[in-house]
């Protein structure tokens, strides 16, 4: 079987064809893309100048560069690298914002925990088991802690936790 390069170029493929190991007949799209950007003679020249053990990496790089160049004729792989760097910068800024918010919430929690009754600190209100327990209590038991104590921790969730109901409600988040 001729390699995909020789088949596309309509020439006879020999046993010592330099393109045969890198462009097998089962993957003609690889050579089509590379040929469109670099040309057959340039591909052959580049592969001849590269040591035998590095040729496969060079072909992979040529295929990647050619594919990127077809998608973005102006910037090619540089455009991909630039877009990824912008994405990393955006994600880093989001991470910094989330870290600052987490630190702020930890500070608020530590400040609020000093003013809360010790019995409230023994049972964490953030586990699903405790959340369902609060909903199954009668209203007289629910008022053991005032709404103001919990509003220090979770202002928007305090009213939700003390709704008058006997059924177990799903978590709001």
N, C-alpha and C. Protein backbone atom coordinates (compact mmCIF):
# COMPACT_ATOMS: atom_id res chain seq x y z
N UNK A 1 0.84 -1.19 0.00
CA UNK A 1 0.00 0.00 0.00
C UNK A 1 0.89 1.25 0.00
N UNK A 2 0.57 2.19 -0.83
CA UNK A 2 1.34 3.44 -0.80
C UNK A 2 0.92 4.29 0.40
N UNK A 3 1.85 5.12 0.85
CA UNK A 3 1.52 6.02 1.95
C UNK A 3 0.51 7.06 1.45
N UNK A 4 -0.13 7.74 2.39
CA UNK A 4 -1.14 8.72 1.99
C UNK A 4 -0.53 9.88 1.20
N UNK A 5 0.75 10.17 1.44
CA UNK A 5 1.42 11.24 0.71
C UNK A 5 1.60 10.85 -0.75
N UNK A 6 2.13 9.66 -0.99
CA UNK A 6 2.35 9.21 -2.37
C UNK A 6 1.03 9.00 -3.10
N UNK A 7 0.04 8.55 -2.38
CA UNK A 7 -1.27 8.34 -2.99
C UNK A 7 -1.87 9.67 -3.43
N UNK A 8 -1.77 10.70 -2.58
CA UNK A 8 -2.30 12.02 -2.92
C UNK A 8 -1.52 12.65 -4.07
N UNK A 9 -0.20 12.47 -4.04
CA UNK A 9 0.65 13.06 -5.08
C UNK A 9 0.68 12.20 -6.34
N UNK A 10 0.03 11.05 -6.30
CA UNK A 10 -0.05 10.12 -7.43
C UNK A 10 1.34 9.73 -7.94
N UNK A 11 2.15 9.32 -7.00
CA UNK A 11 3.48 8.83 -7.38
C UNK A 11 3.69 7.46 -6.76
N UNK A 12 4.68 6.78 -7.24
CA UNK A 12 4.97 5.43 -6.76
C UNK A 12 5.64 5.51 -5.39
N UNK A 13 5.15 4.72 -4.45
CA UNK A 13 5.70 4.71 -3.09
C UNK A 13 6.66 3.54 -2.98
N UNK A 14 7.88 3.82 -2.56
CA UNK A 14 8.90 2.78 -2.41
C UNK A 14 9.03 2.36 -0.95
N UNK A 15 9.79 1.31 -0.72
CA UNK A 15 9.99 0.83 0.64
C UNK A 15 10.72 1.84 1.51
N UNK A 16 11.61 2.61 0.91
CA UNK A 16 12.39 3.59 1.67
C UNK A 16 11.80 5.00 1.60
N UNK A 17 10.53 5.11 1.32
CA UNK A 17 9.84 6.42 1.29
C UNK A 17 9.92 7.05 2.67
N UNK A 18 10.40 8.27 2.72
CA UNK A 18 10.59 8.95 4.00
C UNK A 18 9.25 9.32 4.65
N UNK A 19 8.20 9.40 3.85
CA UNK A 19 6.90 9.79 4.37
C UNK A 19 6.05 8.60 4.83
N UNK A 20 6.40 7.40 4.42
CA UNK A 20 5.60 6.21 4.71
C UNK A 20 5.37 5.97 6.21
N UNK A 21 6.38 6.04 7.08
CA UNK A 21 6.11 5.76 8.50
C UNK A 21 5.25 6.83 9.18
N UNK A 22 5.22 8.03 8.63
CA UNK A 22 4.56 9.15 9.31
C UNK A 22 3.17 9.46 8.75
N UNK A 23 2.93 9.08 7.52
CA UNK A 23 1.64 9.34 6.88
C UNK A 23 1.09 8.03 6.32
N UNK A 24 0.55 7.17 7.21
CA UNK A 24 0.04 5.86 6.76
C UNK A 24 -1.20 6.03 5.88
N UNK A 25 -1.51 5.03 5.08
CA UNK A 25 -2.67 5.12 4.19
C UNK A 25 -4.00 5.25 4.94
N UNK A 26 -4.04 4.83 6.17
CA UNK A 26 -5.28 4.90 6.95
C UNK A 26 -5.59 6.31 7.44
N UNK A 27 -4.60 7.21 7.39
CA UNK A 27 -4.79 8.58 7.89
C UNK A 27 -4.44 9.60 6.81
N UNK A 28 -5.20 9.68 5.75
CA UNK A 28 -4.86 10.62 4.68
C UNK A 28 -5.06 12.08 5.06
N UNK A 29 -5.93 12.34 6.03
CA UNK A 29 -6.19 13.72 6.44
C UNK A 29 -4.94 14.41 7.00
N UNK A 30 -4.07 13.64 7.65
CA UNK A 30 -2.84 14.24 8.20
C UNK A 30 -1.99 14.86 7.08
N UNK A 31 -1.77 14.10 6.02
CA UNK A 31 -0.92 14.62 4.95
C UNK A 31 -1.63 15.73 4.18
N UNK A 32 -2.93 15.62 3.99
CA UNK A 32 -3.66 16.66 3.26
C UNK A 32 -3.51 18.01 3.95
N UNK A 33 -3.66 18.03 5.27
CA UNK A 33 -3.54 19.28 6.02
C UNK A 33 -2.12 19.83 5.95
N UNK A 34 -1.14 18.97 6.19
CA UNK A 34 0.26 19.41 6.19
C UNK A 34 0.70 19.84 4.79
N UNK A 35 0.26 19.11 3.79
CA UNK A 35 0.62 19.44 2.40
C UNK A 35 0.04 20.79 1.99
N UNK A 36 -1.15 21.08 2.46
CA UNK A 36 -1.81 22.34 2.12
C UNK A 36 -1.04 23.55 2.66
N UNK A 37 -0.44 23.39 3.80
CA UNK A 37 0.29 24.51 4.42
C UNK A 37 1.77 24.53 4.04
N UNK A 38 2.45 23.40 4.12
CA UNK A 38 3.89 23.37 3.93
C UNK A 38 4.34 22.96 2.52
N UNK A 39 3.55 22.13 1.85
CA UNK A 39 3.97 21.61 0.55
C UNK A 39 4.77 20.33 0.71
N UNK A 40 4.66 19.44 -0.26
CA UNK A 40 5.29 18.13 -0.18
C UNK A 40 6.81 18.20 -0.16
N UNK A 41 7.40 19.05 -0.99
CA UNK A 41 8.87 19.11 -1.04
C UNK A 41 9.44 19.68 0.26
N UNK A 42 8.76 20.65 0.88
CA UNK A 42 9.24 21.20 2.16
C UNK A 42 9.11 20.18 3.28
N UNK A 43 8.04 19.40 3.25
CA UNK A 43 7.88 18.36 4.27
C UNK A 43 9.02 17.35 4.15
N UNK A 44 9.31 16.94 2.93
CA UNK A 44 10.39 15.97 2.70
C UNK A 44 11.74 16.54 3.14
N UNK A 45 12.01 17.79 2.79
CA UNK A 45 13.28 18.42 3.19
C UNK A 45 13.41 18.51 4.71
N UNK A 46 12.31 18.91 5.38
CA UNK A 46 12.38 19.02 6.84
C UNK A 46 12.64 17.66 7.48
N UNK A 47 11.96 16.63 7.00
CA UNK A 47 12.13 15.30 7.59
C UNK A 47 13.52 14.74 7.32
N UNK A 48 14.13 15.06 6.21
CA UNK A 48 15.48 14.59 5.90
C UNK A 48 16.52 15.24 6.82
N UNK A 49 16.28 16.46 7.22
CA UNK A 49 17.23 17.18 8.08
C UNK A 49 17.12 16.79 9.55
N UNK A 50 16.03 16.16 9.93
CA UNK A 50 15.79 15.80 11.34
C UNK A 50 16.27 14.38 11.58
N UNK A 51 16.91 14.13 12.74
CA UNK A 51 17.32 12.76 13.07
C UNK A 51 16.12 11.81 13.10
N UNK A 52 16.40 10.55 12.83
CA UNK A 52 15.35 9.53 12.70
C UNK A 52 14.45 9.45 13.93
N UNK A 53 15.01 9.54 15.14
CA UNK A 53 14.22 9.38 16.36
C UNK A 53 13.35 10.61 16.69
N UNK A 54 13.58 11.73 16.04
CA UNK A 54 12.79 12.95 16.29
C UNK A 54 11.75 13.22 15.20
N UNK A 55 11.72 12.42 14.17
CA UNK A 55 10.84 12.68 13.04
C UNK A 55 9.36 12.59 13.40
N UNK A 56 9.01 11.62 14.22
CA UNK A 56 7.59 11.46 14.58
C UNK A 56 7.09 12.70 15.34
N UNK A 57 7.90 13.24 16.24
CA UNK A 57 7.53 14.46 16.96
C UNK A 57 7.39 15.64 15.99
N UNK A 58 8.29 15.70 15.01
CA UNK A 58 8.23 16.78 14.03
C UNK A 58 6.95 16.70 13.20
N UNK A 59 6.55 15.49 12.82
CA UNK A 59 5.32 15.32 12.05
C UNK A 59 4.11 15.71 12.88
N UNK A 60 4.10 15.32 14.15
CA UNK A 60 2.99 15.71 15.04
C UNK A 60 2.91 17.22 15.15
N UNK A 61 4.06 17.88 15.27
CA UNK A 61 4.10 19.34 15.35
C UNK A 61 3.63 19.98 14.05
N UNK A 62 4.04 19.41 12.92
CA UNK A 62 3.60 19.96 11.63
C UNK A 62 2.09 19.83 11.46
N UNK A 63 1.54 18.69 11.85
CA UNK A 63 0.09 18.49 11.74
C UNK A 63 -0.65 19.47 12.64
N UNK A 64 -0.15 19.66 13.85
CA UNK A 64 -0.79 20.60 14.78
C UNK A 64 -0.71 22.03 14.26
N UNK A 65 0.47 22.43 13.80
CA UNK A 65 0.65 23.78 13.26
C UNK A 65 -0.21 24.00 12.03
N UNK A 66 -0.26 23.01 11.14
CA UNK A 66 -1.05 23.14 9.92
C UNK A 66 -2.54 23.24 10.24
N UNK A 67 -3.00 22.43 11.18
CA UNK A 67 -4.41 22.49 11.57
C UNK A 67 -4.75 23.85 12.17
N UNK A 68 -3.88 24.35 13.02
CA UNK A 68 -4.10 25.67 13.63
C UNK A 68 -4.04 26.77 12.57
N UNK A 69 -3.15 26.64 11.62
CA UNK A 69 -3.01 27.64 10.56
C UNK A 69 -4.24 27.65 9.65
N UNK A 70 -4.84 26.49 9.43
CA UNK A 70 -6.07 26.44 8.63
C UNK A 70 -7.25 27.06 9.36
N UNK A 71 -7.30 26.86 10.66
CA UNK A 71 -8.38 27.47 11.45
C UNK A 71 -8.21 28.97 11.58
N UNK A 72 -7.00 29.40 11.79
CA UNK A 72 -6.70 30.83 11.95
C UNK A 72 -5.50 31.16 11.07
N UNK A 73 -5.73 31.57 9.82
CA UNK A 73 -4.63 31.79 8.88
C UNK A 73 -3.65 32.88 9.30
N UNK A 74 -4.08 33.82 10.11
CA UNK A 74 -3.21 34.93 10.49
C UNK A 74 -2.30 34.55 11.66
N UNK A 75 -2.88 34.02 12.73
CA UNK A 75 -2.10 33.78 13.95
C UNK A 75 -1.69 32.32 14.17
N UNK A 76 -2.44 31.38 13.67
CA UNK A 76 -2.09 29.96 13.84
C UNK A 76 -2.02 29.55 15.29
N UNK A 77 -0.94 28.87 15.68
CA UNK A 77 -0.81 28.41 17.06
C UNK A 77 -0.59 29.56 18.03
N UNK A 78 -0.05 30.67 17.56
CA UNK A 78 0.14 31.82 18.44
C UNK A 78 -1.22 32.35 18.91
N UNK A 79 -2.21 32.30 18.04
CA UNK A 79 -3.56 32.71 18.43
C UNK A 79 -4.13 31.80 19.50
N UNK A 80 -3.87 30.50 19.39
CA UNK A 80 -4.34 29.55 20.39
C UNK A 80 -3.65 29.81 21.73
N UNK A 81 -2.35 30.02 21.68
CA UNK A 81 -1.58 30.29 22.91
C UNK A 81 -2.08 31.58 23.56
N UNK A 82 -2.31 32.61 22.76
CA UNK A 82 -2.81 33.88 23.29
C UNK A 82 -4.18 33.72 23.93
N UNK A 83 -5.08 32.98 23.28
CA UNK A 83 -6.41 32.75 23.84
C UNK A 83 -6.33 31.98 25.15
N UNK A 84 -5.45 30.98 25.21
CA UNK A 84 -5.29 30.21 26.44
C UNK A 84 -4.70 31.05 27.57
N UNK A 85 -3.76 31.93 27.24
CA UNK A 85 -3.19 32.81 28.26
C UNK A 85 -4.25 33.77 28.81
N UNK A 86 -5.12 34.29 27.93
CA UNK A 86 -6.21 35.15 28.39
C UNK A 86 -7.16 34.38 29.29
N UNK A 87 -7.44 33.14 28.92
CA UNK A 87 -8.34 32.30 29.72
C UNK A 87 -7.72 32.02 31.08
N UNK A 88 -6.43 31.74 31.12
CA UNK A 88 -5.74 31.49 32.39
C UNK A 88 -5.79 32.74 33.26
N UNK A 89 -5.56 33.90 32.66
CA UNK A 89 -5.61 35.16 33.41
C UNK A 89 -7.00 35.38 34.00
N UNK A 90 -8.04 35.11 33.20
CA UNK A 90 -9.41 35.28 33.66
C UNK A 90 -9.71 34.32 34.82
N UNK A 91 -9.31 33.06 34.67
CA UNK A 91 -9.54 32.08 35.73
C UNK A 91 -8.76 32.42 37.00
N UNK A 92 -7.55 32.95 36.83
CA UNK A 92 -6.75 33.35 37.99
C UNK A 92 -7.42 34.49 38.74
N UNK A 93 -7.98 35.45 38.01
CA UNK A 93 -8.66 36.56 38.68
C UNK A 93 -9.93 36.07 39.39
N UNK A 94 -10.66 35.12 38.79
CA UNK A 94 -11.83 34.54 39.46
C UNK A 94 -11.40 33.79 40.72
N UNK A 95 -10.30 33.06 40.65
CA UNK A 95 -9.80 32.33 41.81
C UNK A 95 -9.41 33.30 42.92
N UNK A 96 -8.76 34.40 42.56
CA UNK A 96 -8.38 35.39 43.57
C UNK A 96 -9.61 36.00 44.23
N UNK A 97 -10.65 36.29 43.44
CA UNK A 97 -11.88 36.84 44.00
C UNK A 97 -12.55 35.84 44.93
N UNK A 98 -12.60 34.57 44.53
CA UNK A 98 -13.21 33.54 45.36
C UNK A 98 -12.42 33.35 46.65
N UNK A 99 -11.10 33.39 46.57
CA UNK A 99 -10.27 33.25 47.76
C UNK A 99 -10.49 34.41 48.72
N UNK A 100 -10.59 35.62 48.17
CA UNK A 100 -10.84 36.79 49.02
C UNK A 100 -12.21 36.69 49.67
N UNK A 101 -13.21 36.23 48.94
CA UNK A 101 -14.55 36.09 49.50
C UNK A 101 -14.56 35.00 50.59
N UNK A 102 -13.85 33.89 50.35
CA UNK A 102 -13.78 32.83 51.35
C UNK A 102 -13.10 33.32 52.62
N UNK A 103 -12.04 34.10 52.47
CA UNK A 103 -11.35 34.64 53.63
C UNK A 103 -12.26 35.60 54.39
N UNK A 104 -13.01 36.40 53.66
CA UNK A 104 -13.94 37.33 54.30
C UNK A 104 -15.02 36.57 55.06
N UNK A 105 -15.54 35.51 54.47
CA UNK A 105 -16.56 34.71 55.14
C UNK A 105 -16.00 34.00 56.37
N UNK A 106 -14.76 33.54 56.29
CA UNK A 106 -14.13 32.91 57.46
C UNK A 106 -13.98 33.92 58.60
N UNK A 107 -13.61 35.13 58.24
CA UNK A 107 -13.46 36.18 59.25
C UNK A 107 -14.80 36.50 59.89
N UNK A 108 -15.85 36.62 59.06
CA UNK A 108 -17.18 36.88 59.59
C UNK A 108 -17.64 35.74 60.49
N UNK A 109 -17.37 34.50 60.08
CA UNK A 109 -17.77 33.34 60.86
C UNK A 109 -17.03 33.30 62.19
N UNK A 110 -15.74 33.59 62.17
CA UNK A 110 -14.99 33.57 63.44
C UNK A 110 -15.44 34.71 64.35
N UNK A 111 -15.77 35.86 63.78
CA UNK A 111 -16.28 36.98 64.59
C UNK A 111 -17.66 36.65 65.15
N UNK A 112 -18.49 35.99 64.35
CA UNK A 112 -19.84 35.66 64.79
C UNK A 112 -19.82 34.51 65.79
N UNK A 113 -18.87 33.60 65.67
CA UNK A 113 -18.84 32.44 66.56
C UNK A 113 -18.51 32.84 68.00
N UNK A 114 -17.83 33.95 68.20
CA UNK A 114 -17.53 34.39 69.57
C UNK A 114 -18.78 34.92 70.25
N UNK A 115 -19.79 35.39 69.50
CA UNK A 115 -21.00 35.94 70.10
C UNK A 115 -22.15 34.95 70.15
N UNK A 116 -21.98 33.73 69.58
CA UNK A 116 -23.05 32.74 69.57
C UNK A 116 -22.99 31.88 70.83
N UNK A 117 -24.14 31.33 71.25
CA UNK A 117 -24.14 30.41 72.39
C UNK A 117 -23.31 29.17 72.08
N UNK A 118 -22.67 28.60 73.09
CA UNK A 118 -21.79 27.44 72.86
C UNK A 118 -22.57 26.23 72.39
N UNK A 119 -23.84 26.09 72.78
CA UNK A 119 -24.63 24.94 72.34
C UNK A 119 -24.88 24.99 70.83
N UNK A 120 -24.93 26.17 70.25
CA UNK A 120 -25.11 26.29 68.80
C UNK A 120 -23.85 25.89 68.06
N UNK A 121 -22.70 26.13 68.66
CA UNK A 121 -21.44 25.79 68.02
C UNK A 121 -21.14 24.30 68.06
N UNK A 122 -21.74 23.56 69.02
CA UNK A 122 -21.48 22.14 69.12
C UNK A 122 -22.04 21.37 67.93
N UNK A 123 -23.20 21.78 67.41
CA UNK A 123 -23.83 21.11 66.28
C UNK A 123 -23.71 22.04 65.08
N UNK A 124 -23.08 21.56 64.05
CA UNK A 124 -22.88 22.39 62.86
C UNK A 124 -24.20 22.51 62.09
N UNK A 125 -24.66 23.72 61.79
CA UNK A 125 -25.91 23.88 61.05
C UNK A 125 -25.75 23.64 59.56
N UNK A 126 -24.54 23.27 59.12
CA UNK A 126 -24.29 23.19 57.68
C UNK A 126 -24.36 21.78 57.12
N UNK A 127 -24.59 20.77 57.95
CA UNK A 127 -24.66 19.41 57.43
C UNK A 127 -26.10 19.10 57.03
N UNK A 128 -26.30 18.26 56.04
CA UNK A 128 -27.66 17.94 55.60
C UNK A 128 -28.50 17.29 56.69
N UNK A 129 -27.89 16.47 57.55
CA UNK A 129 -28.64 15.83 58.62
C UNK A 129 -29.22 16.89 59.56
N UNK A 130 -28.39 17.86 59.95
CA UNK A 130 -28.86 18.91 60.85
C UNK A 130 -29.88 19.79 60.17
N UNK A 131 -29.73 19.99 58.88
CA UNK A 131 -30.68 20.83 58.15
C UNK A 131 -32.06 20.19 58.17
N UNK A 132 -32.13 18.88 57.94
CA UNK A 132 -33.41 18.18 57.97
C UNK A 132 -33.97 18.13 59.39
N UNK A 133 -33.09 18.04 60.38
CA UNK A 133 -33.53 18.00 61.77
C UNK A 133 -34.23 19.29 62.15
N UNK A 134 -33.70 20.43 61.73
CA UNK A 134 -34.30 21.72 62.05
C UNK A 134 -35.71 21.81 61.47
N UNK A 135 -35.93 21.22 60.32
CA UNK A 135 -37.25 21.31 59.70
C UNK A 135 -38.26 20.38 60.36
N UNK A 136 -37.80 19.31 60.96
CA UNK A 136 -38.72 18.36 61.57
C UNK A 136 -39.08 18.75 63.00
N UNK A 137 -38.43 19.75 63.59
CA UNK A 137 -38.74 20.21 64.94
C UNK A 137 -40.04 20.99 64.94
N UNK A 138 -40.70 21.01 66.08
CA UNK A 138 -41.90 21.83 66.25
C UNK A 138 -41.48 23.28 66.38
N UNK A 139 -42.41 24.18 66.16
CA UNK A 139 -42.07 25.61 66.17
C UNK A 139 -41.57 26.05 67.54
N UNK A 140 -42.04 25.46 68.63
CA UNK A 140 -41.55 25.85 69.96
C UNK A 140 -40.08 25.47 70.13
N UNK A 141 -39.68 24.32 69.55
CA UNK A 141 -38.29 23.91 69.63
C UNK A 141 -37.42 24.74 68.70
N UNK A 142 -37.97 25.17 67.59
CA UNK A 142 -37.19 25.94 66.62
C UNK A 142 -36.77 27.28 67.19
N UNK A 143 -37.55 27.82 68.08
CA UNK A 143 -37.24 29.14 68.61
C UNK A 143 -36.25 29.10 69.76
N UNK A 144 -35.59 27.94 69.99
CA UNK A 144 -34.57 27.86 71.03
C UNK A 144 -33.43 28.82 70.76
N UNK A 145 -33.16 29.05 69.48
CA UNK A 145 -32.18 30.06 69.09
C UNK A 145 -32.93 31.12 68.31
N UNK A 146 -32.63 32.33 68.55
CA UNK A 146 -33.36 33.39 67.86
C UNK A 146 -32.89 33.50 66.42
N UNK A 147 -33.73 34.09 65.58
CA UNK A 147 -33.37 34.31 64.19
C UNK A 147 -32.13 35.20 64.07
N UNK A 148 -31.96 36.09 65.00
CA UNK A 148 -30.83 37.02 64.93
C UNK A 148 -29.50 36.29 65.08
N UNK A 149 -29.47 35.22 65.93
CA UNK A 149 -28.22 34.47 66.10
C UNK A 149 -27.79 33.83 64.80
N UNK A 150 -28.73 33.23 64.08
CA UNK A 150 -28.38 32.57 62.83
C UNK A 150 -28.19 33.56 61.69
N UNK A 151 -28.84 34.71 61.77
CA UNK A 151 -28.67 35.69 60.70
C UNK A 151 -27.25 36.23 60.65
N UNK A 152 -26.53 36.13 61.76
CA UNK A 152 -25.13 36.53 61.72
C UNK A 152 -24.34 35.60 60.82
N UNK A 153 -24.70 34.29 60.83
CA UNK A 153 -23.99 33.33 60.01
C UNK A 153 -24.48 33.34 58.57
N UNK A 154 -25.77 33.18 58.39
CA UNK A 154 -26.35 33.09 57.05
C UNK A 154 -27.61 33.95 56.99
N UNK A 155 -27.50 35.22 56.69
CA UNK A 155 -28.66 36.10 56.74
C UNK A 155 -29.81 35.63 55.85
N UNK A 156 -29.51 35.17 54.63
CA UNK A 156 -30.58 34.80 53.72
C UNK A 156 -31.15 33.42 54.04
N UNK A 157 -30.43 32.59 54.75
CA UNK A 157 -30.91 31.24 55.06
C UNK A 157 -31.62 31.16 56.39
N UNK A 158 -31.49 32.17 57.25
CA UNK A 158 -32.09 32.10 58.57
C UNK A 158 -33.61 32.03 58.48
N UNK A 159 -34.21 32.84 57.66
CA UNK A 159 -35.66 32.80 57.50
C UNK A 159 -36.11 31.49 56.89
N UNK A 160 -35.33 30.96 55.99
CA UNK A 160 -35.66 29.70 55.33
C UNK A 160 -35.67 28.55 56.33
N UNK A 161 -34.74 28.54 57.26
CA UNK A 161 -34.62 27.45 58.22
C UNK A 161 -35.78 27.42 59.22
N UNK A 162 -36.39 28.54 59.48
CA UNK A 162 -37.45 28.61 60.48
C UNK A 162 -38.83 28.74 59.87
N UNK A 163 -39.04 28.20 58.70
CA UNK A 163 -40.37 28.19 58.11
C UNK A 163 -41.26 27.24 58.89
N UNK A 164 -42.53 27.59 59.01
CA UNK A 164 -43.49 26.76 59.74
C UNK A 164 -43.90 25.59 58.85
N UNK A 165 -43.31 24.41 59.07
CA UNK A 165 -43.67 23.22 58.31
C UNK A 165 -43.26 21.99 59.07
N UNK A 166 -43.97 20.88 58.82
CA UNK A 166 -43.61 19.61 59.46
C UNK A 166 -42.89 18.69 58.49
N UNK A 167 -42.82 19.07 57.22
CA UNK A 167 -42.15 18.21 56.23
C UNK A 167 -40.69 18.61 56.07
N UNK A 168 -39.90 17.67 55.58
CA UNK A 168 -38.49 17.94 55.33
C UNK A 168 -38.38 18.63 53.99
N UNK A 169 -37.78 19.80 53.99
CA UNK A 169 -37.64 20.59 52.77
C UNK A 169 -36.28 20.33 52.14
N UNK A 170 -36.19 20.44 50.82
CA UNK A 170 -34.87 20.27 50.19
C UNK A 170 -33.95 21.44 50.53
N UNK A 171 -32.67 21.17 50.42
CA UNK A 171 -31.69 22.23 50.67
C UNK A 171 -31.84 23.33 49.62
N UNK A 172 -31.66 24.60 49.98
CA UNK A 172 -31.86 25.69 49.03
C UNK A 172 -30.74 25.87 48.04
N UNK A 173 -29.67 25.11 48.15
CA UNK A 173 -28.54 25.28 47.24
C UNK A 173 -28.22 24.02 46.52
